[in-house]
Amino acid sequence: MEGFEPVIVAFCCHYCAYTAADMAGSQRLCYPPNVTIIRVPCSGKVDTIHLLKAFENGADGVYVAGCLEGDCHFKNGNIRAAKRVEKVRKLLDSIGIGGERVDMVNLSAGMGERFAETARQITEKIRELGPNPIRKLTRLADHP
């Protein structure tokens, strides 16, 4: 879609993904400015309702970035997060929004370059999908 800039929300675990984002910034690696990072203590703390609320509040795409598998500081938080993301993916497919709008990635603290590349890839994927259908409905509801 021409001229469309997606709104992306990234829930990043404090220990790995957020540190990777910080490293990307320190290394002056470019990634889209439309990615809003929300730091969470662990990706396992990101509940289904948080993902759905992000879409309800106008996000076009959402991803959860956690520690590498087997390296979670809280043992299995990233595994719980991945299961929740999959659950939300199926739900979004069933209601016609599209499960491809939500994703889970695993990063270590030293993967600043991968963080930036992931942000670029997800932004491009969502740009191709177009705006979140809920955002259109919300705008219509605001103007009777």
N, C-alpha and C. Protein backbone atom coordinates (compact mmCIF):
# COMPACT_ATOMS: atom_id res chain seq x y z
N MET A 1 0.84 -1.19 0.00
CA MET A 1 0.00 0.00 0.00
C MET A 1 0.88 1.25 0.00
N GLU A 2 0.65 2.08 -0.97
CA GLU A 2 1.48 3.27 -1.12
C GLU A 2 1.20 4.30 -0.02
N GLY A 3 2.26 4.78 0.60
CA GLY A 3 2.14 5.80 1.64
C GLY A 3 1.77 5.27 3.02
N PHE A 4 1.48 4.00 3.11
CA PHE A 4 1.10 3.41 4.39
C PHE A 4 2.35 3.09 5.22
N GLU A 5 2.40 3.64 6.42
CA GLU A 5 3.47 3.32 7.36
C GLU A 5 2.85 2.60 8.54
N PRO A 6 3.16 1.32 8.70
CA PRO A 6 2.53 0.54 9.76
C PRO A 6 3.00 0.93 11.16
N VAL A 7 2.12 0.73 12.10
CA VAL A 7 2.43 0.89 13.52
C VAL A 7 2.76 -0.51 14.04
N ILE A 8 3.97 -0.66 14.56
CA ILE A 8 4.44 -1.96 15.05
C ILE A 8 4.74 -1.83 16.54
N VAL A 9 4.28 -2.81 17.32
CA VAL A 9 4.57 -2.86 18.75
C VAL A 9 5.44 -4.09 18.99
N ALA A 10 6.57 -3.89 19.65
CA ALA A 10 7.49 -4.98 19.98
C ALA A 10 7.60 -5.10 21.49
N PHE A 11 7.12 -6.21 22.02
CA PHE A 11 7.27 -6.51 23.44
C PHE A 11 8.62 -7.21 23.60
N CYS A 12 9.57 -6.56 24.27
CA CYS A 12 10.94 -7.07 24.36
C CYS A 12 11.30 -7.40 25.80
N CYS A 13 11.83 -8.61 25.99
CA CYS A 13 12.25 -9.00 27.33
C CYS A 13 13.45 -8.16 27.75
N HIS A 14 13.49 -7.83 29.00
CA HIS A 14 14.53 -6.96 29.56
C HIS A 14 15.94 -7.49 29.35
N TYR A 15 16.13 -8.77 29.56
CA TYR A 15 17.48 -9.33 29.60
C TYR A 15 18.11 -9.54 28.23
N CYS A 16 17.32 -9.91 27.24
CA CYS A 16 17.93 -10.23 25.94
C CYS A 16 17.47 -9.30 24.83
N ALA A 17 16.21 -9.32 24.49
CA ALA A 17 15.73 -8.57 23.33
C ALA A 17 15.87 -7.06 23.52
N TYR A 18 15.54 -6.56 24.70
CA TYR A 18 15.67 -5.12 24.94
C TYR A 18 17.14 -4.72 24.88
N THR A 19 18.01 -5.56 25.41
CA THR A 19 19.44 -5.28 25.37
C THR A 19 19.94 -5.33 23.92
N ALA A 20 19.39 -6.24 23.12
CA ALA A 20 19.75 -6.30 21.70
C ALA A 20 19.30 -5.02 20.99
N ALA A 21 18.12 -4.51 21.33
CA ALA A 21 17.63 -3.25 20.76
C ALA A 21 18.56 -2.11 21.17
N ASP A 22 18.98 -2.11 22.43
CA ASP A 22 19.89 -1.10 22.92
C ASP A 22 21.23 -1.18 22.17
N MET A 23 21.69 -2.38 21.94
CA MET A 23 22.93 -2.57 21.20
C MET A 23 22.79 -2.06 19.76
N ALA A 24 21.65 -2.32 19.15
CA ALA A 24 21.41 -1.81 17.80
C ALA A 24 21.52 -0.29 17.78
N GLY A 25 20.97 0.35 18.79
CA GLY A 25 21.07 1.80 18.89
C GLY A 25 22.49 2.26 19.12
N SER A 26 23.21 1.57 19.99
CA SER A 26 24.60 1.93 20.28
C SER A 26 25.49 1.78 19.05
N GLN A 27 25.16 0.80 18.21
CA GLN A 27 25.93 0.57 16.99
C GLN A 27 25.42 1.42 15.82
N ARG A 28 24.42 2.25 16.12
CA ARG A 28 23.82 3.13 15.12
C ARG A 28 23.26 2.36 13.93
N LEU A 29 22.69 1.18 14.23
CA LEU A 29 22.04 0.39 13.19
C LEU A 29 20.64 0.93 12.97
N CYS A 30 20.28 1.08 11.74
CA CYS A 30 18.97 1.66 11.42
C CYS A 30 17.89 0.59 11.42
N TYR A 31 16.78 0.91 12.04
CA TYR A 31 15.57 0.12 11.91
C TYR A 31 14.41 1.10 11.93
N PRO A 32 13.26 0.70 11.42
CA PRO A 32 12.15 1.65 11.24
C PRO A 32 11.74 2.34 12.55
N PRO A 33 11.50 3.64 12.46
CA PRO A 33 11.09 4.40 13.65
C PRO A 33 9.66 4.12 14.09
N ASN A 34 8.91 3.40 13.27
CA ASN A 34 7.52 3.09 13.62
C ASN A 34 7.40 1.86 14.52
N VAL A 35 8.54 1.30 14.97
CA VAL A 35 8.52 0.18 15.90
C VAL A 35 8.59 0.75 17.31
N THR A 36 7.54 0.54 18.07
CA THR A 36 7.48 0.98 19.46
C THR A 36 7.87 -0.19 20.35
N ILE A 37 8.92 0.00 21.13
CA ILE A 37 9.42 -1.06 21.99
C ILE A 37 8.81 -0.91 23.38
N ILE A 38 8.26 -2.00 23.87
CA ILE A 38 7.75 -2.05 25.24
C ILE A 38 8.60 -3.07 25.99
N ARG A 39 9.34 -2.59 26.97
CA ARG A 39 10.21 -3.47 27.74
C ARG A 39 9.38 -4.20 28.80
N VAL A 40 9.55 -5.51 28.83
CA VAL A 40 8.86 -6.35 29.82
C VAL A 40 9.92 -7.16 30.57
N PRO A 41 9.64 -7.54 31.82
CA PRO A 41 10.65 -8.28 32.59
C PRO A 41 11.03 -9.61 31.94
N CYS A 42 10.06 -10.23 31.28
CA CYS A 42 10.27 -11.52 30.61
C CYS A 42 9.20 -11.63 29.53
N SER A 43 9.54 -12.23 28.41
CA SER A 43 8.53 -12.39 27.35
C SER A 43 7.36 -13.24 27.84
N GLY A 44 7.61 -14.09 28.84
CA GLY A 44 6.55 -14.91 29.42
C GLY A 44 5.50 -14.10 30.16
N LYS A 45 5.80 -12.83 30.45
CA LYS A 45 4.83 -11.95 31.12
C LYS A 45 3.86 -11.30 30.12
N VAL A 46 4.13 -11.46 28.83
CA VAL A 46 3.24 -10.89 27.81
C VAL A 46 2.06 -11.85 27.66
N ASP A 47 0.91 -11.40 28.10
CA ASP A 47 -0.28 -12.23 28.08
C ASP A 47 -1.04 -12.02 26.77
N THR A 48 -1.94 -12.90 26.49
CA THR A 48 -2.79 -12.82 25.31
C THR A 48 -3.50 -11.47 25.24
N ILE A 49 -3.99 -10.99 26.35
CA ILE A 49 -4.72 -9.72 26.37
C ILE A 49 -3.84 -8.55 25.95
N HIS A 50 -2.55 -8.59 26.29
CA HIS A 50 -1.63 -7.51 25.89
C HIS A 50 -1.50 -7.47 24.37
N LEU A 51 -1.37 -8.63 23.77
CA LEU A 51 -1.25 -8.70 22.31
C LEU A 51 -2.52 -8.20 21.63
N LEU A 52 -3.66 -8.64 22.13
CA LEU A 52 -4.93 -8.23 21.54
C LEU A 52 -5.20 -6.74 21.75
N LYS A 53 -4.85 -6.22 22.92
CA LYS A 53 -5.04 -4.79 23.20
C LYS A 53 -4.18 -3.93 22.27
N ALA A 54 -2.99 -4.40 21.96
CA ALA A 54 -2.14 -3.65 21.03
C ALA A 54 -2.85 -3.49 19.69
N PHE A 55 -3.48 -4.55 19.19
CA PHE A 55 -4.23 -4.46 17.94
C PHE A 55 -5.45 -3.56 18.10
N GLU A 56 -6.16 -3.73 19.20
CA GLU A 56 -7.34 -2.90 19.46
C GLU A 56 -6.97 -1.41 19.50
N ASN A 57 -5.78 -1.11 20.00
CA ASN A 57 -5.34 0.28 20.11
C ASN A 57 -4.66 0.80 18.85
N GLY A 58 -4.74 0.04 17.76
CA GLY A 58 -4.29 0.55 16.47
C GLY A 58 -3.00 0.01 15.91
N ALA A 59 -2.37 -0.95 16.57
CA ALA A 59 -1.16 -1.54 16.00
C ALA A 59 -1.53 -2.33 14.75
N ASP A 60 -0.69 -2.23 13.75
CA ASP A 60 -0.88 -3.01 12.52
C ASP A 60 -0.16 -4.35 12.61
N GLY A 61 0.86 -4.42 13.44
CA GLY A 61 1.62 -5.64 13.66
C GLY A 61 2.21 -5.63 15.06
N VAL A 62 2.38 -6.83 15.62
CA VAL A 62 2.91 -6.96 16.98
C VAL A 62 3.86 -8.14 16.99
N TYR A 63 4.98 -7.96 17.69
CA TYR A 63 5.83 -9.13 17.91
C TYR A 63 6.37 -9.14 19.33
N VAL A 64 6.64 -10.36 19.77
CA VAL A 64 7.22 -10.58 21.08
C VAL A 64 8.65 -11.05 20.83
N ALA A 65 9.60 -10.40 21.48
CA ALA A 65 11.00 -10.77 21.33
C ALA A 65 11.52 -11.24 22.68
N GLY A 66 11.89 -12.50 22.73
CA GLY A 66 12.36 -13.09 23.98
C GLY A 66 13.75 -13.65 23.84
N CYS A 67 14.21 -14.26 24.91
CA CYS A 67 15.55 -14.89 24.94
C CYS A 67 15.58 -16.07 23.98
N LEU A 68 16.79 -16.50 23.67
CA LEU A 68 16.95 -17.71 22.86
C LEU A 68 16.36 -18.90 23.62
N GLU A 69 15.84 -19.88 22.88
CA GLU A 69 15.27 -21.05 23.54
C GLU A 69 16.34 -21.74 24.37
N GLY A 70 15.96 -22.10 25.60
CA GLY A 70 16.89 -22.72 26.53
C GLY A 70 17.74 -21.73 27.30
N ASP A 71 17.57 -20.44 27.02
CA ASP A 71 18.39 -19.42 27.66
C ASP A 71 17.57 -18.39 28.42
N CYS A 72 16.31 -18.66 28.66
CA CYS A 72 15.44 -17.71 29.34
C CYS A 72 15.89 -17.53 30.79
N HIS A 73 15.98 -16.29 31.21
CA HIS A 73 16.38 -16.00 32.59
C HIS A 73 15.34 -16.47 33.61
N PHE A 74 14.13 -16.72 33.13
CA PHE A 74 13.07 -17.22 34.01
C PHE A 74 12.66 -18.63 33.59
N LYS A 75 13.61 -19.40 33.14
CA LYS A 75 13.52 -20.82 32.77
C LYS A 75 12.76 -21.06 31.47
N ASN A 76 11.43 -20.83 31.46
CA ASN A 76 10.66 -21.17 30.26
C ASN A 76 9.68 -20.06 29.85
N GLY A 77 9.97 -18.83 30.23
CA GLY A 77 9.08 -17.72 29.87
C GLY A 77 8.94 -17.55 28.37
N ASN A 78 10.02 -17.72 27.64
CA ASN A 78 9.95 -17.55 26.19
C ASN A 78 9.13 -18.66 25.53
N ILE A 79 9.12 -19.82 26.12
CA ILE A 79 8.30 -20.92 25.59
C ILE A 79 6.83 -20.63 25.83
N ARG A 80 6.51 -20.11 27.03
CA ARG A 80 5.12 -19.72 27.31
C ARG A 80 4.68 -18.61 26.35
N ALA A 81 5.57 -17.65 26.10
CA ALA A 81 5.26 -16.54 25.19
C ALA A 81 4.98 -17.07 23.79
N ALA A 82 5.79 -18.00 23.32
CA ALA A 82 5.60 -18.55 21.98
C ALA A 82 4.24 -19.25 21.85
N LYS A 83 3.82 -19.94 22.91
CA LYS A 83 2.51 -20.60 22.90
C LYS A 83 1.39 -19.57 22.84
N ARG A 84 1.55 -18.47 23.56
CA ARG A 84 0.53 -17.42 23.55
C ARG A 84 0.46 -16.74 22.18
N VAL A 85 1.62 -16.50 21.59
CA VAL A 85 1.65 -15.89 20.25
C VAL A 85 0.94 -16.81 19.26
N GLU A 86 1.19 -18.09 19.34
CA GLU A 86 0.52 -19.04 18.44
C GLU A 86 -1.00 -19.03 18.66
N LYS A 87 -1.41 -18.94 19.91
CA LYS A 87 -2.84 -18.88 20.24
C LYS A 87 -3.47 -17.61 19.63
N VAL A 88 -2.79 -16.48 19.76
CA VAL A 88 -3.29 -15.22 19.21
C VAL A 88 -3.30 -15.27 17.69
N ARG A 89 -2.28 -15.89 17.11
CA ARG A 89 -2.22 -16.04 15.65
C ARG A 89 -3.46 -16.77 15.13
N LYS A 90 -3.83 -17.86 15.79
CA LYS A 90 -5.02 -18.63 15.39
C LYS A 90 -6.29 -17.81 15.58
N LEU A 91 -6.36 -17.08 16.68
CA LEU A 91 -7.53 -16.24 16.95
C LEU A 91 -7.68 -15.16 15.89
N LEU A 92 -6.58 -14.47 15.56
CA LEU A 92 -6.63 -13.42 14.55
C LEU A 92 -7.03 -13.97 13.19
N ASP A 93 -6.58 -15.17 12.87
CA ASP A 93 -7.00 -15.81 11.62
C ASP A 93 -8.50 -16.09 11.63
N SER A 94 -9.00 -16.57 12.77
CA SER A 94 -10.41 -16.94 12.85
C SER A 94 -11.35 -15.74 12.78
N ILE A 95 -10.89 -14.57 13.18
CA ILE A 95 -11.77 -13.39 13.14
C ILE A 95 -11.48 -12.48 11.94
N GLY A 96 -10.59 -12.94 11.06
CA GLY A 96 -10.37 -12.22 9.81
C GLY A 96 -9.36 -11.10 9.83
N ILE A 97 -8.57 -10.99 10.89
CA ILE A 97 -7.56 -9.94 10.95
C ILE A 97 -6.25 -10.42 10.33
N GLY A 98 -5.96 -11.69 10.49
CA GLY A 98 -4.76 -12.28 9.91
C GLY A 98 -3.70 -12.57 10.95
N GLY A 99 -3.45 -13.84 11.18
CA GLY A 99 -2.48 -14.28 12.17
C GLY A 99 -1.05 -13.89 11.84
N GLU A 100 -0.79 -13.59 10.56
CA GLU A 100 0.57 -13.20 10.16
C GLU A 100 0.96 -11.83 10.70
N ARG A 101 0.02 -11.14 11.35
CA ARG A 101 0.31 -9.83 11.93
C ARG A 101 0.99 -9.91 13.30
N VAL A 102 1.09 -11.12 13.85
CA VAL A 102 1.74 -11.31 15.16
C VAL A 102 2.85 -12.34 15.01
N ASP A 103 3.95 -12.10 15.72
CA ASP A 103 5.10 -12.99 15.57
C ASP A 103 5.88 -13.09 16.88
N MET A 104 6.73 -14.10 16.93
CA MET A 104 7.62 -14.33 18.08
C MET A 104 9.02 -14.49 17.54
N VAL A 105 9.97 -13.79 18.13
CA VAL A 105 11.38 -13.94 17.75
C VAL A 105 12.21 -14.17 19.00
N ASN A 106 13.33 -14.86 18.83
CA ASN A 106 14.23 -15.15 19.94
C ASN A 106 15.59 -14.55 19.64
N LEU A 107 16.10 -13.78 20.60
CA LEU A 107 17.37 -13.07 20.43
C LEU A 107 18.21 -13.20 21.69
N SER A 108 19.51 -13.07 21.52
CA SER A 108 20.38 -12.93 22.69
C SER A 108 20.73 -11.45 22.82
N ALA A 109 21.28 -11.08 23.93
CA ALA A 109 21.61 -9.68 24.20
C ALA A 109 22.60 -9.11 23.19
N GLY A 110 23.43 -9.95 22.61
CA GLY A 110 24.44 -9.48 21.67
C GLY A 110 23.99 -9.40 20.22
N MET A 111 22.71 -9.61 19.96
CA MET A 111 22.21 -9.66 18.59
C MET A 111 21.57 -8.34 18.14
N GLY A 112 22.29 -7.26 18.30
CA GLY A 112 21.77 -5.96 17.89
C GLY A 112 21.46 -5.90 16.41
N GLU A 113 22.34 -6.47 15.60
CA GLU A 113 22.13 -6.47 14.15
C GLU A 113 20.89 -7.28 13.78
N ARG A 114 20.70 -8.41 14.44
CA ARG A 114 19.52 -9.24 14.16
C ARG A 114 18.25 -8.53 14.63
N PHE A 115 18.32 -7.80 15.74
CA PHE A 115 17.15 -7.05 16.19
C PHE A 115 16.74 -6.05 15.12
N ALA A 116 17.70 -5.28 14.60
CA ALA A 116 17.40 -4.28 13.58
C ALA A 116 16.84 -4.93 12.32
N GLU A 117 17.43 -6.04 11.91
CA GLU A 117 16.96 -6.73 10.71
C GLU A 117 15.55 -7.29 10.91
N THR A 118 15.28 -7.84 12.07
CA THR A 118 13.94 -8.36 12.38
C THR A 118 12.91 -7.23 12.33
N ALA A 119 13.24 -6.09 12.92
CA ALA A 119 12.33 -4.93 12.89
C ALA A 119 12.04 -4.50 11.46
N ARG A 120 13.07 -4.50 10.61
CA ARG A 120 12.87 -4.13 9.20
C ARG A 120 12.00 -5.15 8.48
N GLN A 121 12.27 -6.43 8.71
CA GLN A 121 11.51 -7.49 8.03
C GLN A 121 10.03 -7.47 8.44
N ILE A 122 9.78 -7.35 9.72
CA ILE A 122 8.39 -7.35 10.19
C ILE A 122 7.66 -6.11 9.69
N THR A 123 8.33 -4.97 9.70
CA THR A 123 7.71 -3.74 9.19
C THR A 123 7.36 -3.90 7.72
N GLU A 124 8.26 -4.46 6.94
CA GLU A 124 7.99 -4.65 5.50
C GLU A 124 6.83 -5.63 5.28
N LYS A 125 6.81 -6.70 6.06
CA LYS A 125 5.72 -7.68 5.94
C LYS A 125 4.37 -7.03 6.24
N ILE A 126 4.31 -6.24 7.29
CA ILE A 126 3.06 -5.58 7.67
C ILE A 126 2.70 -4.49 6.66
N ARG A 127 3.69 -3.81 6.12
CA ARG A 127 3.43 -2.80 5.09
C ARG A 127 2.72 -3.45 3.89
N GLU A 128 3.17 -4.64 3.51
CA GLU A 128 2.54 -5.37 2.40
C GLU A 128 1.13 -5.82 2.73
N LEU A 129 0.88 -6.17 4.00
CA LEU A 129 -0.46 -6.60 4.40
C LEU A 129 -1.45 -5.44 4.45
N GLY A 130 -0.95 -4.25 4.69
CA GLY A 130 -1.82 -3.08 4.79
C GLY A 130 -2.27 -2.85 6.22
N PRO A 131 -3.10 -1.83 6.40
CA PRO A 131 -3.54 -1.46 7.76
C PRO A 131 -4.34 -2.55 8.46
N ASN A 132 -4.26 -2.52 9.75
CA ASN A 132 -5.05 -3.39 10.62
C ASN A 132 -6.53 -3.10 10.38
N PRO A 133 -7.33 -4.11 10.03
CA PRO A 133 -8.76 -3.87 9.78
C PRO A 133 -9.50 -3.26 10.97
N ILE A 134 -9.05 -3.55 12.18
CA ILE A 134 -9.70 -3.00 13.37
C ILE A 134 -9.54 -1.49 13.42
N ARG A 135 -8.38 -1.01 12.97
CA ARG A 135 -8.13 0.43 13.00
C ARG A 135 -9.15 1.17 12.14
N LYS A 136 -9.50 0.60 10.99
CA LYS A 136 -10.51 1.20 10.13
C LYS A 136 -11.87 1.25 10.84
N LEU A 137 -12.22 0.14 11.49
CA LEU A 137 -13.51 0.09 12.19
C LEU A 137 -13.57 1.06 13.36
N THR A 138 -12.43 1.21 14.06
CA THR A 138 -12.37 2.13 15.19
C THR A 138 -12.60 3.55 14.71
N ARG A 139 -11.99 3.93 13.58
CA ARG A 139 -12.18 5.27 13.04
C ARG A 139 -13.64 5.51 12.67
N LEU A 140 -14.29 4.52 12.08
CA LEU A 140 -15.70 4.66 11.71
C LEU A 140 -16.58 4.81 12.94
N ALA A 141 -16.25 4.06 13.99
CA ALA A 141 -17.04 4.11 15.23
C ALA A 141 -16.89 5.47 15.92
N ASP A 142 -15.73 6.11 15.76
CA ASP A 142 -15.49 7.40 16.39
C ASP A 142 -16.29 8.53 15.71
N HIS A 143 -16.72 8.30 14.48
CA HIS A 143 -17.44 9.35 13.73
C HIS A 143 -18.81 8.84 13.33
N PRO A 144 -19.81 9.09 14.18
CA PRO A 144 -21.16 8.58 13.89
C PRO A 144 -21.78 9.20 12.66
